[in-house]
Amino acid sequence: MSDDDDAREWLQRELDASLVDQDDKFAHGVTARVRIRETFVQRAESADGRRRVLSAAVVSECAVEKDMLHGGHLTHGGCTAYLADLCTSFAFKLHARESGRNLRVGPTQTLNVVYHAPGIPGTILRIAATSLSINDRLVSGKCEVWDTTNKRLVVSAIIVRGIERARL
């Protein structure tokens, strides 16, 4: 098993575990359809010869189904924003894990979304999320949601989230 396979399977297990006994929670059906497809970690050698993580990227997919649509029968903007936010958290988790950090990503502080095109029922959305920066207080990342069937960009987003601190 490659490092990429190990990271992909670890993230999918984390996602699946978060769904246990959560059937009645917000967007459960959408979250349950998300599948982690690929992971990438970009590293660089620092001046002292150690390799450090610059960024992590995670590619996920989700089928557009009825529970994601608004009254006009297209993907609701809130749903695609949710997918961007959720899937970017996977990139943050992978970045932290590969850096040897035990960070708990906290609440979203900023979610800037540009809607380029609607998601169409029956299509597969490909969500490509990348961590940009991680420190002790904040994480930031970017995300693109693509309609793989029609080969078009649906959403692009920048996300900033806080880090949960241990309470004494």
Protein backbone atom coordinates (compact mmCIF):
# COMPACT_ATOMS: atom_id res chain seq x y z
CA MET A 1 0.00 0.00 0.00
CA SER A 2 1.43 3.39 -0.96
CA ASP A 3 1.51 6.42 1.34
CA ASP A 4 -1.21 7.96 -0.85
CA ASP A 5 -3.43 4.89 -0.38
CA ASP A 6 -2.80 4.90 3.36
CA ALA A 7 -3.72 8.59 3.67
CA ARG A 8 -6.80 8.19 1.46
CA GLU A 9 -8.06 5.20 3.45
CA TRP A 10 -7.33 6.94 6.77
CA LEU A 11 -9.35 10.00 5.73
CA GLN A 12 -12.25 7.86 4.48
CA ARG A 13 -12.29 5.98 7.81
CA GLU A 14 -12.32 9.32 9.68
CA LEU A 15 -15.23 10.53 7.55
CA ASP A 16 -17.18 7.29 7.91
CA ALA A 17 -16.64 7.28 11.70
CA SER A 18 -18.04 10.82 11.92
CA LEU A 19 -21.33 9.55 10.44
CA VAL A 20 -22.05 6.89 13.08
CA ASP A 21 -25.35 7.60 14.88
CA GLN A 22 -25.71 10.90 13.02
CA ASP A 23 -28.60 9.99 10.68
CA ASP A 24 -30.73 12.90 11.88
CA LYS A 25 -27.99 15.54 11.58
CA PHE A 26 -27.55 18.25 8.97
CA ALA A 27 -26.51 17.03 5.50
CA HIS A 28 -26.00 13.43 6.65
CA GLY A 29 -27.05 12.00 3.28
CA VAL A 30 -24.74 14.32 1.36
CA THR A 31 -21.79 13.66 3.69
CA ALA A 32 -22.35 9.89 3.46
CA ARG A 33 -21.95 10.04 -0.34
CA VAL A 34 -18.56 11.79 -0.22
CA ARG A 35 -15.70 9.51 -1.25
CA ILE A 36 -12.02 10.34 -0.88
CA ARG A 37 -10.35 9.58 -4.23
CA GLU A 38 -6.80 11.00 -4.08
CA THR A 39 -4.36 12.61 -1.66
CA PHE A 40 -1.16 14.55 -2.28
CA VAL A 41 1.40 16.05 0.09
CA GLN A 42 3.90 18.68 -1.07
CA ARG A 43 7.12 18.75 0.94
CA ALA A 44 10.26 20.87 0.86
CA GLU A 45 13.62 20.54 2.53
CA SER A 46 14.34 23.25 5.09
CA ALA A 47 17.74 24.86 5.71
CA ASP A 48 18.48 22.37 8.50
CA GLY A 49 17.90 19.44 6.13
CA ARG A 50 14.52 18.38 7.49
CA ARG A 51 11.57 17.89 5.16
CA ARG A 52 8.52 19.92 6.03
CA VAL A 53 5.00 19.84 4.66
CA LEU A 54 4.12 22.85 2.49
CA SER A 55 0.58 21.80 1.63
CA ALA A 56 -1.76 18.84 1.39
CA ALA A 57 -4.43 18.24 -1.23
CA VAL A 58 -7.39 15.90 -1.14
CA VAL A 59 -9.67 15.09 -4.06
CA SER A 60 -13.15 13.82 -3.20
CA GLU A 61 -16.28 13.05 -5.18
CA CYS A 62 -20.00 13.27 -4.47
CA ALA A 63 -22.98 12.40 -6.66
CA VAL A 64 -25.58 15.16 -7.05
CA GLU A 65 -28.88 13.76 -5.81
CA LYS A 66 -32.34 15.09 -4.96
CA ASP A 67 -31.46 16.09 -1.37
CA MET A 68 -28.92 18.62 -2.72
CA LEU A 69 -31.34 20.57 -4.94
CA HIS A 70 -33.27 23.79 -4.47
CA GLY A 71 -36.72 24.55 -5.90
CA GLY A 72 -35.26 25.15 -9.37
CA HIS A 73 -33.94 21.55 -9.44
CA LEU A 74 -30.28 22.59 -9.42
CA THR A 75 -27.70 22.18 -6.66
CA HIS A 76 -28.37 24.58 -3.80
CA GLY A 77 -25.51 27.04 -3.23
CA GLY A 78 -25.51 26.24 0.47
CA CYS A 79 -24.92 22.59 -0.34
CA THR A 80 -21.93 23.25 -2.59
CA ALA A 81 -20.51 25.67 0.00
CA TYR A 82 -20.94 22.92 2.61
CA LEU A 83 -19.06 20.45 0.40
CA ALA A 84 -16.22 22.94 -0.11
CA ASP A 85 -15.98 23.56 3.65
CA LEU A 86 -16.21 19.86 4.56
CA CYS A 87 -13.70 18.66 1.98
CA THR A 88 -11.19 21.40 2.77
CA SER A 89 -11.17 20.11 6.35
CA PHE A 90 -9.77 16.82 4.94
CA ALA A 91 -6.80 18.70 3.48
CA PHE A 92 -6.25 20.39 6.87
CA LYS A 93 -6.35 17.03 8.68
CA LEU A 94 -3.90 15.47 6.23
CA HIS A 95 -1.52 18.45 6.45
CA ALA A 96 -1.55 18.28 10.26
CA ARG A 97 -1.05 14.50 10.29
CA GLU A 98 1.86 14.62 7.84
CA SER A 99 3.44 17.47 9.84
CA GLY A 100 3.24 15.46 13.05
CA ARG A 101 0.79 17.94 14.58
CA ASN A 102 -2.18 16.94 16.68
CA LEU A 103 -4.51 19.76 15.68
CA ARG A 104 -8.27 19.80 16.02
CA VAL A 105 -9.67 22.00 13.29
CA GLY A 106 -12.29 24.29 14.77
CA PRO A 107 -15.13 26.37 13.37
CA THR A 108 -15.09 28.06 9.99
CA GLN A 109 -14.26 31.74 10.39
CA THR A 110 -14.34 32.78 6.74
CA LEU A 111 -15.86 31.04 3.74
CA ASN A 112 -15.61 33.06 0.53
CA VAL A 113 -17.44 31.30 -2.28
CA VAL A 114 -17.72 32.14 -5.98
CA TYR A 115 -20.53 30.31 -7.78
CA HIS A 116 -19.57 29.67 -11.40
CA ALA A 117 -22.25 27.22 -12.58
CA PRO A 118 -24.99 25.08 -11.06
CA GLY A 119 -24.54 21.41 -10.25
CA ILE A 120 -26.93 19.25 -12.25
CA PRO A 121 -28.79 16.24 -10.80
CA GLY A 122 -27.16 12.94 -11.75
CA THR A 123 -23.68 14.40 -12.21
CA ILE A 124 -20.58 13.71 -10.13
CA LEU A 125 -18.94 16.63 -8.35
CA ARG A 126 -15.16 16.43 -7.96
CA ILE A 127 -14.00 18.47 -4.98
CA ALA A 128 -10.29 19.43 -5.00
CA ALA A 129 -9.19 20.97 -1.69
CA THR A 130 -5.71 22.21 -0.75
CA SER A 131 -4.30 23.45 2.53
CA LEU A 132 -2.44 26.75 2.16
CA SER A 133 -1.26 27.50 5.69
CA ILE A 134 -1.42 25.89 9.11
CA ASN A 135 -0.27 27.46 12.35
CA ASP A 136 -1.27 27.24 16.01
CA ARG A 137 -4.31 29.50 15.61
CA LEU A 138 -5.61 29.26 12.04
CA VAL A 139 -5.70 27.05 8.98
CA SER A 140 -6.45 28.32 5.49
CA GLY A 141 -7.18 26.54 2.27
CA LYS A 142 -8.73 26.71 -1.16
CA CYS A 143 -11.22 24.49 -2.89
CA GLU A 144 -12.66 23.95 -6.35
CA VAL A 145 -15.82 21.96 -7.04
CA TRP A 146 -16.03 20.62 -10.60
CA ASP A 147 -18.89 19.01 -12.50
CA THR A 148 -17.05 16.03 -14.01
CA THR A 149 -19.86 15.17 -16.42
CA ASN A 150 -20.06 18.61 -18.06
CA LYS A 151 -16.38 19.53 -17.44
CA ARG A 152 -17.08 22.87 -15.78
CA LEU A 153 -16.22 24.67 -12.58
CA VAL A 154 -19.18 24.88 -10.19
CA VAL A 155 -17.63 26.61 -7.14
CA SER A 156 -14.30 28.05 -6.05
CA ALA A 157 -13.73 28.94 -2.41
CA ILE A 158 -11.23 30.19 0.15
CA ILE A 159 -11.68 28.87 3.68
CA VAL A 160 -10.18 29.98 7.01
CA ARG A 161 -10.86 27.95 10.13
CA GLY A 162 -9.79 28.29 13.74
CA ILE A 163 -7.88 25.72 15.75
CA GLU A 164 -9.53 24.26 18.85
CA ARG A 165 -7.31 24.61 21.88
CA ALA A 166 -7.18 22.12 24.71
CA ARG A 167 -9.14 23.32 27.70
CA LEU A 168 -7.52 23.03 31.09
